[in-house]
Amino acid sequence: MRSLFFVLLVGCGGGTAPEAPAPAPEAPAPAPEPKAAPAPEAPAPAPTGEAKPGDATAGEAVYTDNCVACHQADGTGMGGMLAADFTKEKERLAKSDEELMKSIRDGVVGKKGTMPPWGELLSEQERADALAYIRKTFGSD
């Protein structure tokens, strides 16, 4: 009877059954490795004040897409009534590349109207290419 009592007692939870071993504590996660600092960006080249050399062939497309509406395909600006006439007003193209690039970038307010600033619409290279095309096509070369 004693064994039956023991079985009943243990089977009903009345006795102390051996405990399962406690799980081993988890090993702490390895500390994240420090991230390498990003390489510093190279500083932008200082502006030289001079326009990059332009490509007249590439400039033809820039001129056609952006300048023809006012300056016209023939460069006359409708006889100078709408915009600068590159064919007759030779003093315009006698200016330095730096001056003309500034005019293209910042726009021009003049007697014949206002040329909008193209600095935010065209890249510096596109502006230089357009100027190269204008000089080659309408200049006195």
N, C-alpha and C. Protein backbone atom coordinates (compact mmCIF):
# COMPACT_ATOMS: atom_id res chain seq x y z
N MET A 1 0.80 -1.18 0.00
CA MET A 1 0.00 0.00 0.00
C MET A 1 0.85 1.25 0.00
N ARG A 2 1.91 1.08 0.65
CA ARG A 2 2.79 2.22 0.68
C ARG A 2 3.21 2.62 -0.73
N SER A 3 3.54 1.70 -1.58
CA SER A 3 3.95 2.05 -2.93
C SER A 3 2.82 2.62 -3.72
N LEU A 4 1.58 2.15 -3.48
CA LEU A 4 0.45 2.73 -4.17
C LEU A 4 0.25 4.16 -3.73
N PHE A 5 0.38 4.40 -2.44
CA PHE A 5 0.24 5.76 -1.94
C PHE A 5 1.32 6.66 -2.55
N PHE A 6 2.52 6.14 -2.64
CA PHE A 6 3.62 6.92 -3.22
C PHE A 6 3.33 7.23 -4.69
N VAL A 7 2.82 6.26 -5.43
CA VAL A 7 2.49 6.45 -6.84
C VAL A 7 1.38 7.47 -6.97
N LEU A 8 0.37 7.36 -6.11
CA LEU A 8 -0.72 8.32 -6.18
C LEU A 8 -0.21 9.73 -5.83
N LEU A 9 0.60 9.78 -4.83
CA LEU A 9 1.11 11.06 -4.40
C LEU A 9 1.98 11.70 -5.45
N VAL A 10 2.88 10.98 -6.03
CA VAL A 10 3.76 11.50 -7.06
C VAL A 10 2.98 11.76 -8.34
N GLY A 11 2.09 10.85 -8.70
CA GLY A 11 1.33 10.99 -9.93
C GLY A 11 0.38 12.16 -9.88
N CYS A 12 -0.08 12.57 -8.72
CA CYS A 12 -1.02 13.67 -8.61
C CYS A 12 -0.31 14.98 -8.34
N GLY A 13 0.93 14.96 -8.32
CA GLY A 13 1.65 16.22 -8.10
C GLY A 13 1.87 16.50 -6.65
N GLY A 14 1.54 15.58 -5.80
CA GLY A 14 1.70 15.82 -4.39
C GLY A 14 3.13 15.63 -3.94
N GLY A 15 3.90 14.89 -4.63
CA GLY A 15 5.27 14.65 -4.23
C GLY A 15 6.20 15.55 -5.03
N THR A 16 7.40 15.48 -4.73
CA THR A 16 8.35 16.28 -5.47
C THR A 16 9.04 15.41 -6.49
N ALA A 17 8.81 15.71 -7.69
CA ALA A 17 9.46 15.00 -8.77
C ALA A 17 10.77 15.72 -9.07
N PRO A 18 11.69 14.99 -9.57
CA PRO A 18 12.96 15.65 -9.88
C PRO A 18 12.73 16.75 -10.91
N GLU A 19 13.39 17.86 -10.68
CA GLU A 19 13.24 19.01 -11.59
C GLU A 19 14.16 18.84 -12.78
N ALA A 20 13.67 19.34 -13.87
CA ALA A 20 14.51 19.33 -15.08
C ALA A 20 15.58 20.38 -14.90
N PRO A 21 16.73 20.12 -15.43
CA PRO A 21 17.79 21.13 -15.26
C PRO A 21 17.38 22.43 -15.94
N ALA A 22 17.71 23.52 -15.28
CA ALA A 22 17.40 24.85 -15.84
C ALA A 22 18.20 25.03 -17.12
N PRO A 23 17.57 25.66 -18.12
CA PRO A 23 18.33 25.87 -19.36
C PRO A 23 19.51 26.80 -19.09
N ALA A 24 20.55 26.52 -19.77
CA ALA A 24 21.75 27.35 -19.62
C ALA A 24 21.43 28.76 -20.13
N PRO A 25 21.93 29.76 -19.46
CA PRO A 25 21.66 31.13 -19.93
C PRO A 25 22.25 31.30 -21.33
N GLU A 26 21.50 32.07 -22.12
CA GLU A 26 21.96 32.31 -23.49
C GLU A 26 23.20 33.18 -23.45
N ALA A 27 24.09 32.87 -24.31
CA ALA A 27 25.30 33.68 -24.40
C ALA A 27 24.90 35.05 -24.94
N PRO A 28 25.47 36.10 -24.40
CA PRO A 28 25.10 37.42 -24.91
C PRO A 28 25.51 37.54 -26.38
N ALA A 29 24.66 38.27 -27.12
CA ALA A 29 24.97 38.46 -28.54
C ALA A 29 26.26 39.25 -28.65
N PRO A 30 27.06 38.90 -29.63
CA PRO A 30 28.31 39.66 -29.77
C PRO A 30 28.00 41.13 -30.06
N ALA A 31 28.81 41.97 -29.50
CA ALA A 31 28.62 43.41 -29.73
C ALA A 31 28.84 43.69 -31.21
N PRO A 32 27.99 44.56 -31.78
CA PRO A 32 28.18 44.85 -33.20
C PRO A 32 29.54 45.50 -33.42
N GLU A 33 30.12 45.10 -34.51
CA GLU A 33 31.42 45.69 -34.83
C GLU A 33 31.21 47.15 -35.22
N PRO A 34 32.10 48.00 -34.78
CA PRO A 34 31.93 49.41 -35.15
C PRO A 34 32.01 49.55 -36.67
N LYS A 35 31.09 50.35 -37.18
CA LYS A 35 31.10 50.58 -38.62
C LYS A 35 32.23 51.53 -38.97
N ALA A 36 32.81 51.23 -40.08
CA ALA A 36 33.88 52.13 -40.54
C ALA A 36 33.25 53.45 -40.95
N ALA A 37 33.90 54.49 -40.59
CA ALA A 37 33.41 55.81 -40.98
C ALA A 37 33.48 55.91 -42.50
N PRO A 38 32.43 56.51 -43.11
CA PRO A 38 32.49 56.65 -44.56
C PRO A 38 33.67 57.52 -44.96
N ALA A 39 34.22 57.18 -46.08
CA ALA A 39 35.35 57.97 -46.57
C ALA A 39 34.87 59.37 -46.88
N PRO A 40 35.62 60.36 -46.49
CA PRO A 40 35.17 61.72 -46.79
C PRO A 40 35.12 61.94 -48.30
N GLU A 41 34.10 62.69 -48.71
CA GLU A 41 33.98 62.98 -50.13
C GLU A 41 35.07 63.96 -50.53
N ALA A 42 35.52 63.77 -51.73
CA ALA A 42 36.53 64.69 -52.24
C ALA A 42 35.89 66.06 -52.40
N PRO A 43 36.59 67.10 -52.02
CA PRO A 43 35.99 68.43 -52.16
C PRO A 43 35.77 68.75 -53.63
N ALA A 44 34.71 69.49 -53.88
CA ALA A 44 34.42 69.89 -55.26
C ALA A 44 35.53 70.82 -55.72
N PRO A 45 35.89 70.71 -56.98
CA PRO A 45 36.93 71.60 -57.45
C PRO A 45 36.47 73.05 -57.37
N ALA A 46 37.39 73.89 -57.02
CA ALA A 46 37.07 75.30 -56.93
C ALA A 46 36.77 75.84 -58.32
N PRO A 47 35.74 76.70 -58.42
CA PRO A 47 35.45 77.24 -59.73
C PRO A 47 36.64 78.04 -60.25
N THR A 48 36.92 77.88 -61.50
CA THR A 48 38.07 78.56 -62.07
C THR A 48 37.68 79.89 -62.71
N GLY A 49 36.38 80.10 -62.87
CA GLY A 49 35.95 81.32 -63.53
C GLY A 49 35.97 81.18 -65.04
N GLU A 50 36.41 80.04 -65.52
CA GLU A 50 36.45 79.81 -66.95
C GLU A 50 35.48 78.69 -67.30
N ALA A 51 34.84 78.84 -68.43
CA ALA A 51 33.92 77.80 -68.88
C ALA A 51 34.71 76.59 -69.35
N LYS A 52 34.12 75.41 -69.18
CA LYS A 52 34.75 74.21 -69.72
C LYS A 52 34.64 74.30 -71.24
N PRO A 53 35.58 73.72 -71.94
CA PRO A 53 35.46 73.75 -73.39
C PRO A 53 34.18 73.06 -73.82
N GLY A 54 33.49 73.69 -74.73
CA GLY A 54 32.24 73.13 -75.20
C GLY A 54 32.42 72.33 -76.48
N ASP A 55 31.44 71.51 -76.77
CA ASP A 55 31.41 70.69 -77.96
C ASP A 55 30.30 71.23 -78.87
N ALA A 56 30.69 71.83 -79.99
CA ALA A 56 29.72 72.45 -80.88
C ALA A 56 28.73 71.44 -81.44
N THR A 57 29.17 70.22 -81.67
CA THR A 57 28.26 69.20 -82.19
C THR A 57 27.16 68.90 -81.19
N ALA A 58 27.52 68.70 -79.93
CA ALA A 58 26.53 68.48 -78.88
C ALA A 58 25.71 69.74 -78.65
N GLY A 59 26.34 70.89 -78.82
CA GLY A 59 25.67 72.17 -78.61
C GLY A 59 24.56 72.44 -79.60
N GLU A 60 24.64 71.85 -80.78
CA GLU A 60 23.58 72.06 -81.77
C GLU A 60 22.23 71.56 -81.23
N ALA A 61 22.24 70.40 -80.61
CA ALA A 61 21.00 69.86 -80.04
C ALA A 61 20.50 70.73 -78.89
N VAL A 62 21.40 71.21 -78.06
CA VAL A 62 21.02 72.08 -76.94
C VAL A 62 20.41 73.36 -77.48
N TYR A 63 21.04 73.96 -78.48
CA TYR A 63 20.54 75.19 -79.10
C TYR A 63 19.16 74.95 -79.72
N THR A 64 19.03 73.86 -80.45
CA THR A 64 17.76 73.56 -81.12
C THR A 64 16.65 73.35 -80.11
N ASP A 65 16.93 72.65 -79.03
CA ASP A 65 15.91 72.35 -78.02
C ASP A 65 15.56 73.53 -77.12
N ASN A 66 16.49 74.47 -76.93
CA ASN A 66 16.27 75.49 -75.91
C ASN A 66 16.38 76.93 -76.39
N CYS A 67 17.10 77.19 -77.45
CA CYS A 67 17.41 78.57 -77.84
C CYS A 67 16.68 79.03 -79.10
N VAL A 68 16.33 78.09 -79.96
CA VAL A 68 15.76 78.42 -81.27
C VAL A 68 14.47 79.24 -81.16
N ALA A 69 13.66 78.98 -80.16
CA ALA A 69 12.38 79.68 -80.04
C ALA A 69 12.56 81.20 -80.06
N CYS A 70 13.61 81.68 -79.46
CA CYS A 70 13.84 83.14 -79.43
C CYS A 70 14.92 83.57 -80.41
N HIS A 71 16.04 82.87 -80.42
CA HIS A 71 17.17 83.29 -81.26
C HIS A 71 17.04 82.82 -82.70
N GLN A 72 16.09 81.90 -82.95
CA GLN A 72 15.81 81.38 -84.28
C GLN A 72 16.94 80.48 -84.78
N ALA A 73 16.60 79.61 -85.70
CA ALA A 73 17.57 78.65 -86.25
C ALA A 73 18.69 79.37 -86.98
N ASP A 74 18.37 80.52 -87.56
CA ASP A 74 19.40 81.25 -88.31
C ASP A 74 20.17 82.24 -87.44
N GLY A 75 19.87 82.28 -86.13
CA GLY A 75 20.61 83.14 -85.20
C GLY A 75 20.25 84.61 -85.25
N THR A 76 19.21 84.98 -86.01
CA THR A 76 18.88 86.40 -86.16
C THR A 76 17.98 86.94 -85.06
N GLY A 77 17.35 86.08 -84.27
CA GLY A 77 16.44 86.58 -83.23
C GLY A 77 15.32 87.41 -83.85
N MET A 78 14.86 86.98 -85.04
CA MET A 78 13.83 87.71 -85.81
C MET A 78 14.30 89.14 -86.09
N GLY A 79 15.48 89.23 -86.64
CA GLY A 79 16.04 90.54 -86.96
C GLY A 79 16.40 91.34 -85.73
N GLY A 80 16.65 90.65 -84.63
CA GLY A 80 17.00 91.34 -83.39
C GLY A 80 15.80 91.86 -82.63
N MET A 81 14.58 91.63 -83.16
CA MET A 81 13.38 92.14 -82.49
C MET A 81 12.97 91.27 -81.30
N LEU A 82 13.25 89.99 -81.38
CA LEU A 82 12.83 89.08 -80.32
C LEU A 82 13.97 88.77 -79.36
N ALA A 83 15.14 88.60 -79.91
CA ALA A 83 16.31 88.24 -79.08
C ALA A 83 17.56 88.73 -79.80
N ALA A 84 18.69 88.51 -79.18
CA ALA A 84 19.96 88.94 -79.78
C ALA A 84 20.11 88.34 -81.18
N ASP A 85 20.61 89.17 -82.10
CA ASP A 85 20.90 88.74 -83.47
C ASP A 85 22.38 88.42 -83.51
N PHE A 86 22.70 87.15 -83.51
CA PHE A 86 24.10 86.73 -83.50
C PHE A 86 24.78 86.99 -84.84
N THR A 87 24.02 87.19 -85.90
CA THR A 87 24.62 87.36 -87.23
C THR A 87 25.03 88.80 -87.49
N LYS A 88 24.35 89.76 -86.90
CA LYS A 88 24.66 91.18 -87.15
C LYS A 88 25.27 91.88 -85.95
N GLU A 89 24.89 91.47 -84.76
CA GLU A 89 25.39 92.12 -83.55
C GLU A 89 26.67 91.41 -83.11
N LYS A 90 27.72 91.60 -83.85
CA LYS A 90 28.98 90.87 -83.61
C LYS A 90 29.59 91.20 -82.24
N GLU A 91 29.24 92.35 -81.66
CA GLU A 91 29.80 92.70 -80.35
C GLU A 91 29.34 91.70 -79.28
N ARG A 92 28.20 91.08 -79.50
CA ARG A 92 27.73 90.09 -78.52
C ARG A 92 28.69 88.91 -78.45
N LEU A 93 29.10 88.42 -79.60
CA LEU A 93 29.99 87.26 -79.61
C LEU A 93 31.45 87.65 -79.42
N ALA A 94 31.73 88.97 -79.35
CA ALA A 94 33.09 89.41 -79.06
C ALA A 94 33.38 89.33 -77.55
N LYS A 95 32.34 89.11 -76.75
CA LYS A 95 32.51 88.98 -75.30
C LYS A 95 33.25 87.68 -74.99
N SER A 96 33.85 87.65 -73.81
CA SER A 96 34.57 86.44 -73.39
C SER A 96 33.59 85.30 -73.12
N ASP A 97 34.12 84.09 -73.16
CA ASP A 97 33.29 82.93 -72.82
C ASP A 97 32.72 83.08 -71.42
N GLU A 98 33.53 83.59 -70.50
CA GLU A 98 33.07 83.76 -69.12
C GLU A 98 31.85 84.69 -69.06
N GLU A 99 31.90 85.81 -69.78
CA GLU A 99 30.77 86.74 -69.78
C GLU A 99 29.52 86.10 -70.39
N LEU A 100 29.70 85.40 -71.49
CA LEU A 100 28.55 84.79 -72.16
C LEU A 100 27.99 83.63 -71.34
N MET A 101 28.85 82.87 -70.71
CA MET A 101 28.37 81.78 -69.85
C MET A 101 27.56 82.34 -68.67
N LYS A 102 27.99 83.47 -68.15
CA LYS A 102 27.25 84.11 -67.06
C LYS A 102 25.88 84.56 -67.56
N SER A 103 25.83 85.13 -68.76
CA SER A 103 24.54 85.57 -69.32
C SER A 103 23.60 84.39 -69.53
N ILE A 104 24.14 83.29 -70.05
CA ILE A 104 23.31 82.10 -70.27
C ILE A 104 22.84 81.54 -68.93
N ARG A 105 23.73 81.46 -67.97
CA ARG A 105 23.39 80.90 -66.65
C ARG A 105 22.37 81.76 -65.91
N ASP A 106 22.61 83.10 -65.87
CA ASP A 106 21.81 83.99 -65.04
C ASP A 106 20.67 84.68 -65.77
N GLY A 107 20.68 84.63 -67.11
CA GLY A 107 19.66 85.33 -67.89
C GLY A 107 20.08 86.76 -68.15
N VAL A 108 19.31 87.43 -69.00
CA VAL A 108 19.62 88.81 -69.38
C VAL A 108 18.32 89.60 -69.44
N VAL A 109 18.32 90.75 -68.83
CA VAL A 109 17.20 91.68 -68.97
C VAL A 109 17.68 92.74 -69.94
N GLY A 110 16.99 92.88 -71.06
CA GLY A 110 17.43 93.83 -72.07
C GLY A 110 16.29 94.62 -72.68
N LYS A 111 16.65 95.45 -73.63
CA LYS A 111 15.67 96.30 -74.31
C LYS A 111 14.69 95.47 -75.14
N LYS A 112 15.16 94.36 -75.64
CA LYS A 112 14.34 93.55 -76.54
C LYS A 112 13.54 92.49 -75.79
N GLY A 113 13.74 92.38 -74.54
CA GLY A 113 13.05 91.36 -73.76
C GLY A 113 13.99 90.74 -72.75
N THR A 114 13.54 89.72 -72.14
CA THR A 114 14.32 89.07 -71.11
C THR A 114 14.64 87.64 -71.52
N MET A 115 15.91 87.30 -71.42
CA MET A 115 16.30 85.92 -71.64
C MET A 115 16.26 85.25 -70.27
N PRO A 116 15.55 84.14 -70.15
CA PRO A 116 15.47 83.49 -68.84
C PRO A 116 16.82 82.90 -68.43
N PRO A 117 17.01 82.72 -67.14
CA PRO A 117 18.24 82.07 -66.69
C PRO A 117 18.16 80.57 -66.99
N TRP A 118 19.22 80.05 -67.57
CA TRP A 118 19.26 78.63 -67.92
C TRP A 118 20.10 77.82 -66.95
N GLY A 119 20.62 78.48 -65.92
CA GLY A 119 21.52 77.80 -64.97
C GLY A 119 20.92 76.62 -64.25
N GLU A 120 19.63 76.63 -63.98
CA GLU A 120 19.01 75.51 -63.28
C GLU A 120 18.40 74.50 -64.24
N LEU A 121 18.29 74.85 -65.50
CA LEU A 121 17.67 73.95 -66.48
C LEU A 121 18.69 73.19 -67.31
N LEU A 122 19.84 73.81 -67.53
CA LEU A 122 20.89 73.18 -68.33
C LEU A 122 22.14 73.04 -67.46
N SER A 123 22.83 71.95 -67.64
CA SER A 123 24.08 71.76 -66.91
C SER A 123 25.13 72.73 -67.45
N GLU A 124 26.20 72.89 -66.70
CA GLU A 124 27.29 73.75 -67.14
C GLU A 124 27.83 73.27 -68.49
N GLN A 125 27.93 71.95 -68.64
CA GLN A 125 28.43 71.40 -69.90
C GLN A 125 27.48 71.69 -71.05
N GLU A 126 26.20 71.57 -70.83
CA GLU A 126 25.23 71.88 -71.89
C GLU A 126 25.31 73.35 -72.28
N ARG A 127 25.47 74.22 -71.31
CA ARG A 127 25.59 75.65 -71.62
C ARG A 127 26.87 75.92 -72.40
N ALA A 128 27.98 75.26 -72.02
CA ALA A 128 29.24 75.43 -72.74
C ALA A 128 29.12 74.89 -74.16
N ASP A 129 28.41 73.78 -74.32
CA ASP A 129 28.22 73.21 -75.65
C ASP A 129 27.39 74.15 -76.53
N ALA A 130 26.33 74.72 -75.96
CA ALA A 130 25.49 75.66 -76.73
C ALA A 130 26.32 76.87 -77.16
N LEU A 131 27.14 77.38 -76.26
CA LEU A 131 27.99 78.53 -76.60
C LEU A 131 28.97 78.16 -77.71
N ALA A 132 29.54 76.98 -77.64
CA ALA A 132 30.48 76.54 -78.70
C ALA A 132 29.75 76.48 -80.04
N TYR A 133 28.53 75.99 -80.03
CA TYR A 133 27.74 75.93 -81.27
C TYR A 133 27.45 77.34 -81.80
N ILE A 134 27.04 78.24 -80.92
CA ILE A 134 26.74 79.61 -81.33
C ILE A 134 27.98 80.27 -81.92
N ARG A 135 29.11 80.12 -81.25
CA ARG A 135 30.35 80.73 -81.77
C ARG A 135 30.73 80.13 -83.13
N LYS A 136 30.65 78.82 -83.24
CA LYS A 136 31.02 78.16 -84.50
C LYS A 136 30.07 78.54 -85.64
N THR A 137 28.79 78.57 -85.36
CA THR A 137 27.79 78.78 -86.39
C THR A 137 27.60 80.25 -86.76
N PHE A 138 27.60 81.12 -85.77
CA PHE A 138 27.27 82.52 -86.03
C PHE A 138 28.44 83.48 -85.81
N GLY A 139 29.57 82.96 -85.30
CA GLY A 139 30.71 83.82 -85.03
C GLY A 139 31.40 84.25 -86.32
N SER A 140 32.39 85.06 -86.17
CA SER A 140 33.10 85.58 -87.35
C SER A 140 34.27 84.71 -87.76
N ASP A 141 34.34 83.47 -87.20
CA ASP A 141 35.45 82.57 -87.53
C ASP A 141 35.49 82.30 -89.01
